[in-house]
């Protein structure tokens, strides 16, 4: 236990003093993760990052079965997160539009009749914008493929 802060020392100075003392004693030398980047620093900011991390740790929402309203929300959230990867494997624009439309319908249904539990918290997708991004991703992927220099996408 640390000694009490002297009355004539600011809180900031006292805390800095305590940190320096702990460093000298080597209390920070063997902390887990020392010298490694903070986890999650490589991804874009997401306001629900902690909810998603907790769900991953707890193994929630990993099953596809819609056995309750909460899992409907979890499945819909996961499908929205996985949408770009799913669309990247599709060759047909009509199929892309169908998939985005189907997901939008589920999002709308959950917005109109929210189940008990946490709110869905994701907006509907703008189909034309998703298709435009899909086309651009396919065009760039075609350029990167060997032997695709003369092909047009």
Protein backbone atom coordinates (compact mmCIF):
# COMPACT_ATOMS: atom_id res chain seq x y z
CA UNK A 1 0.00 0.00 0.00
CA UNK A 2 1.30 3.45 -0.86
CA UNK A 3 1.76 6.23 1.62
CA UNK A 4 -0.71 9.12 1.68
CA UNK A 5 -0.28 12.05 -0.64
CA UNK A 6 1.38 14.98 1.13
CA UNK A 7 -0.89 18.01 1.33
CA UNK A 8 1.58 20.31 -0.41
CA UNK A 9 1.98 18.05 -3.51
CA UNK A 10 -0.40 18.19 -6.47
CA UNK A 11 -2.28 15.04 -7.46
CA UNK A 12 -0.49 14.98 -10.82
CA UNK A 13 2.96 15.22 -9.21
CA UNK A 14 2.03 12.55 -6.65
CA UNK A 15 0.81 10.14 -9.34
CA UNK A 16 3.93 10.76 -11.46
CA UNK A 17 6.07 10.11 -8.35
CA UNK A 18 4.24 6.81 -7.71
CA UNK A 19 4.75 5.75 -11.34
CA UNK A 20 8.48 6.55 -11.25
CA UNK A 21 8.87 4.58 -8.00
CA UNK A 22 7.07 1.56 -9.51
CA UNK A 23 9.26 1.76 -12.64
CA UNK A 24 12.40 1.75 -10.49
CA UNK A 25 11.11 -1.32 -8.64
CA UNK A 26 10.55 -3.04 -12.04
CA UNK A 27 6.80 -3.42 -11.59
CA UNK A 28 6.16 -2.59 -15.27
CA UNK A 29 8.96 -4.76 -16.69
CA UNK A 30 7.05 -8.01 -17.25
CA UNK A 31 3.56 -6.84 -18.12
CA UNK A 32 1.72 -8.99 -20.69
CA UNK A 33 1.80 -7.44 -24.16
CA UNK A 34 4.91 -5.38 -23.41
CA UNK A 35 6.42 -4.07 -26.64
CA UNK A 36 3.43 -5.12 -28.74
CA UNK A 37 0.86 -2.84 -30.39
CA UNK A 38 -2.46 -2.38 -28.66
CA UNK A 39 -5.01 -4.94 -29.90
CA UNK A 40 -7.64 -3.60 -32.29
CA UNK A 41 -5.54 -0.61 -33.30
CA UNK A 42 -5.40 -1.81 -36.91
CA UNK A 43 -9.15 -1.61 -37.54
CA UNK A 44 -11.42 1.31 -38.30
CA UNK A 45 -13.19 2.90 -35.33
CA UNK A 46 -16.52 1.31 -34.50
CA UNK A 47 -18.75 2.72 -31.76
CA UNK A 48 -19.81 -0.81 -30.80
CA UNK A 49 -16.28 -2.27 -30.73
CA UNK A 50 -16.54 -3.35 -27.12
CA UNK A 51 -19.91 -5.08 -27.69
CA UNK A 52 -18.51 -6.99 -30.66
CA UNK A 53 -15.35 -7.93 -28.76
CA UNK A 54 -17.43 -9.16 -25.80
CA UNK A 55 -19.66 -11.19 -28.12
CA UNK A 56 -16.57 -12.78 -29.74
CA UNK A 57 -15.07 -13.61 -26.33
CA UNK A 58 -18.35 -15.11 -25.13
CA UNK A 59 -18.99 -16.98 -28.38
CA UNK A 60 -22.32 -15.22 -28.87
CA UNK A 61 -23.95 -14.94 -32.26
CA UNK A 62 -21.75 -17.60 -33.82
CA UNK A 63 -24.61 -19.97 -34.53
CA UNK A 64 -26.82 -19.42 -37.55
CA UNK A 65 -29.98 -20.69 -35.89
CA UNK A 66 -32.53 -17.98 -35.25
CA UNK A 67 -33.71 -19.57 -32.03
CA UNK A 68 -34.76 -16.28 -30.49
CA UNK A 69 -35.10 -12.59 -31.18
CA UNK A 70 -31.65 -11.80 -29.83
CA UNK A 71 -30.01 -14.21 -32.22
CA UNK A 72 -31.94 -12.61 -35.13
CA UNK A 73 -30.24 -9.32 -34.30
CA UNK A 74 -26.85 -11.00 -33.88
CA UNK A 75 -27.18 -12.87 -37.19
CA UNK A 76 -28.27 -9.69 -38.98
CA UNK A 77 -25.32 -7.74 -37.52
CA UNK A 78 -22.89 -10.46 -38.51
CA UNK A 79 -24.34 -10.67 -42.03
CA UNK A 80 -23.96 -6.89 -42.37
CA UNK A 81 -20.32 -7.10 -41.26
CA UNK A 82 -19.61 -10.00 -43.62
CA UNK A 83 -21.43 -8.46 -46.59
CA UNK A 84 -18.32 -7.06 -48.38
CA UNK A 85 -16.54 -10.44 -48.21
CA UNK A 86 -19.66 -12.29 -49.39
CA UNK A 87 -20.18 -9.89 -52.29
CA UNK A 88 -16.54 -10.19 -53.33
CA UNK A 89 -17.18 -13.85 -54.24
CA UNK A 90 -20.24 -13.08 -56.40
CA UNK A 91 -19.83 -12.67 -60.16
CA UNK A 92 -23.33 -11.43 -61.08
CA UNK A 93 -24.57 -7.88 -60.35
CA UNK A 94 -28.19 -9.04 -60.15
CA UNK A 95 -27.18 -11.49 -57.41
CA UNK A 96 -25.35 -8.69 -55.55
CA UNK A 97 -28.49 -6.55 -55.70
CA UNK A 98 -30.63 -9.50 -54.54
CA UNK A 99 -28.35 -10.22 -51.55
CA UNK A 100 -28.21 -6.57 -50.46
CA UNK A 101 -31.98 -6.24 -50.91
CA UNK A 102 -32.62 -9.36 -48.80
CA UNK A 103 -30.38 -8.04 -46.01
CA UNK A 104 -32.05 -4.62 -46.20
CA UNK A 105 -35.46 -6.30 -45.80
CA UNK A 106 -34.28 -8.10 -42.65
CA UNK A 107 -32.82 -4.83 -41.30
CA UNK A 108 -36.10 -3.02 -42.02
CA UNK A 109 -38.13 -5.78 -40.35
CA UNK A 110 -35.96 -5.57 -37.23
CA UNK A 111 -36.27 -1.77 -37.19
CA UNK A 112 -40.07 -1.89 -37.53
CA UNK A 113 -40.64 -4.64 -34.96
CA UNK A 114 -37.61 -4.55 -32.68
CA UNK A 115 -37.13 -7.71 -30.65
CA UNK A 116 -36.33 -7.62 -26.95
CA UNK A 117 -32.69 -7.07 -26.20
CA UNK A 118 -30.11 -4.71 -27.62
CA UNK A 119 -31.14 -2.56 -30.59
CA UNK A 120 -29.96 -3.54 -34.05
CA UNK A 121 -27.96 -0.33 -34.49
CA UNK A 122 -27.17 -0.71 -38.20
CA UNK A 123 -28.69 1.28 -41.08
CA UNK A 124 -30.00 -0.11 -44.34
CA UNK A 125 -27.50 -0.38 -47.18
CA UNK A 126 -27.68 1.91 -50.21
CA UNK A 127 -27.86 -0.72 -52.94
CA UNK A 128 -26.45 1.45 -55.74
CA UNK A 129 -23.54 2.53 -53.55
CA UNK A 130 -22.77 -1.08 -52.56
CA UNK A 131 -22.92 -2.15 -56.22
CA UNK A 132 -20.60 0.72 -57.22
CA UNK A 133 -18.08 -0.34 -54.55
CA UNK A 134 -18.46 -3.99 -55.66
CA UNK A 135 -17.73 -3.04 -59.29
CA UNK A 136 -14.67 -1.00 -58.26
CA UNK A 137 -13.32 -3.85 -56.09
CA UNK A 138 -13.76 -6.30 -58.99
CA UNK A 139 -12.05 -3.90 -61.39
CA UNK A 140 -9.06 -3.52 -59.03
CA UNK A 141 -8.90 -7.27 -58.41
CA UNK A 142 -8.88 -7.92 -62.16
CA UNK A 143 -5.94 -5.53 -62.58
CA UNK A 144 -3.95 -7.36 -59.90
CA UNK A 145 -4.49 -10.79 -61.48
CA UNK A 146 -1.55 -12.09 -63.52
CA UNK A 147 -2.22 -11.92 -67.24
CA UNK A 148 -5.05 -9.41 -66.81
CA UNK A 149 -3.11 -6.43 -68.16
CA UNK A 150 -4.96 -6.30 -71.48
CA UNK A 151 -8.38 -7.29 -70.13
CA UNK A 152 -11.11 -4.80 -69.32
CA UNK A 153 -13.39 -5.21 -66.28
